[in-house]
């Protein structure tokens, strides 16, 4: 990997670490203040469910899978490794897959 891309990735990692450390999920003026629009539109569809199972592929702090005003009943984290087939290139992805069981607070 060339040094420019390496530098960009290091700076991005530093930036995300700072934001995730300093900002509280849903309590800031950053992009962490709420889930993406699609998730906000879907959450009300689950209001009548006693429990909801949520799969998070570990690509952030959980703002799209840990809903505000929902209680996490159970959390399971599993490390997953994936091989991504591409033409003449071997790529792999390693991520934490997080499963939540949640219930809306009354």
Protein backbone atom coordinates (compact mmCIF):
# COMPACT_ATOMS: atom_id res chain seq x y z
CA UNK A 1 0.00 0.00 0.00
CA UNK A 2 1.47 3.37 -0.88
CA UNK A 3 2.35 5.79 1.91
CA UNK A 4 -0.36 8.29 0.95
CA UNK A 5 -3.17 5.77 1.45
CA UNK A 6 -1.55 4.54 4.63
CA UNK A 7 -1.39 8.11 5.96
CA UNK A 8 -5.06 8.71 5.04
CA UNK A 9 -6.14 5.53 6.85
CA UNK A 10 -4.10 6.43 9.94
CA UNK A 11 -5.62 9.92 10.06
CA UNK A 12 -9.13 8.53 9.61
CA UNK A 13 -8.54 6.01 12.40
CA UNK A 14 -7.26 8.79 14.67
CA UNK A 15 -10.26 11.00 13.84
CA UNK A 16 -12.80 8.25 14.47
CA UNK A 17 -11.11 7.23 17.73
CA UNK A 18 -11.25 10.82 18.97
CA UNK A 19 -14.91 11.22 18.03
CA UNK A 20 -15.94 7.84 19.50
CA UNK A 21 -14.03 8.61 22.72
CA UNK A 22 -15.16 12.20 23.25
CA UNK A 23 -18.74 12.16 21.98
CA UNK A 24 -21.63 10.38 23.64
CA UNK A 25 -23.92 8.52 21.29
CA UNK A 26 -27.09 10.59 20.59
CA UNK A 27 -25.97 13.45 22.89
CA UNK A 28 -23.86 15.60 20.58
CA UNK A 29 -24.02 17.87 17.55
CA UNK A 30 -21.98 15.46 15.45
CA UNK A 31 -23.16 12.81 13.02
CA UNK A 32 -23.48 10.53 16.10
CA UNK A 33 -26.56 12.44 17.25
CA UNK A 34 -29.00 10.09 15.50
CA UNK A 35 -29.23 7.02 13.27
CA UNK A 36 -29.43 7.37 9.51
CA UNK A 37 -32.83 8.28 8.07
CA UNK A 38 -33.65 4.74 6.90
CA UNK A 39 -33.15 3.35 10.40
CA UNK A 40 -35.21 6.15 11.95
CA UNK A 41 -38.05 5.28 9.57
CA UNK A 42 -37.83 1.54 10.34
CA UNK A 43 -37.70 1.71 14.15
CA UNK A 44 -41.40 2.62 14.61
CA UNK A 45 -42.34 -0.57 12.72
CA UNK A 46 -40.99 -2.57 15.68
CA UNK A 47 -42.80 -0.62 18.43
CA UNK A 48 -45.30 -3.41 19.13
CA UNK A 49 -42.72 -6.18 19.29
CA UNK A 50 -41.80 -7.46 22.75
CA UNK A 51 -38.19 -8.04 21.68
CA UNK A 52 -36.18 -7.22 18.58
CA UNK A 53 -33.03 -8.99 17.39
CA UNK A 54 -30.52 -6.70 15.70
CA UNK A 55 -27.43 -7.66 13.71
CA UNK A 56 -24.57 -5.16 13.62
CA UNK A 57 -21.57 -5.89 11.42
CA UNK A 58 -19.24 -3.87 13.62
CA UNK A 59 -18.64 -0.95 11.30
CA UNK A 60 -19.03 1.83 13.86
CA UNK A 61 -20.20 2.73 17.34
CA UNK A 62 -23.70 1.34 16.94
CA UNK A 63 -25.70 4.47 16.15
CA UNK A 64 -27.70 2.51 13.56
CA UNK A 65 -28.29 -0.57 15.70
CA UNK A 66 -28.56 0.66 19.31
CA UNK A 67 -31.77 2.64 19.29
CA UNK A 68 -32.29 5.47 21.74
CA UNK A 69 -34.93 4.59 24.34
CA UNK A 70 -34.40 0.85 23.83
CA UNK A 71 -32.98 -1.42 26.53
CA UNK A 72 -30.32 -3.92 25.48
CA UNK A 73 -31.29 -7.29 26.98
CA UNK A 74 -28.51 -9.38 25.49
CA UNK A 75 -25.39 -8.75 23.43
CA UNK A 76 -23.21 -11.32 21.69
CA UNK A 77 -19.98 -10.49 19.85
CA UNK A 78 -18.34 -12.90 17.40
CA UNK A 79 -15.21 -12.23 15.32
CA UNK A 80 -15.87 -13.10 11.67
CA UNK A 81 -13.41 -13.33 8.81
CA UNK A 82 -14.56 -13.14 5.20
CA UNK A 83 -12.78 -13.74 1.93
CA UNK A 84 -13.97 -11.40 -0.80
CA UNK A 85 -13.50 -12.85 -4.28
CA UNK A 86 -12.42 -10.33 -6.87
CA UNK A 87 -10.89 -10.75 -10.25
CA UNK A 88 -7.14 -11.45 -9.81
CA UNK A 89 -7.19 -9.96 -6.28
CA UNK A 90 -7.53 -11.70 -2.95
CA UNK A 91 -9.23 -9.52 -0.34
CA UNK A 92 -10.35 -10.33 3.14
CA UNK A 93 -12.43 -8.62 5.77
CA UNK A 94 -12.31 -9.18 9.50
CA UNK A 95 -15.07 -7.68 11.62
CA UNK A 96 -16.98 -8.15 14.83
CA UNK A 97 -20.53 -9.30 14.27
CA UNK A 98 -22.69 -8.07 17.13
CA UNK A 99 -26.16 -9.41 17.83
CA UNK A 100 -28.43 -7.49 20.19
CA UNK A 101 -31.74 -8.41 21.73
CA UNK A 102 -33.52 -5.17 22.63
CA UNK A 103 -36.80 -4.04 24.13
CA UNK A 104 -38.34 -0.58 23.87
CA UNK A 105 -38.44 1.25 27.20
CA UNK A 106 -41.97 2.06 28.34
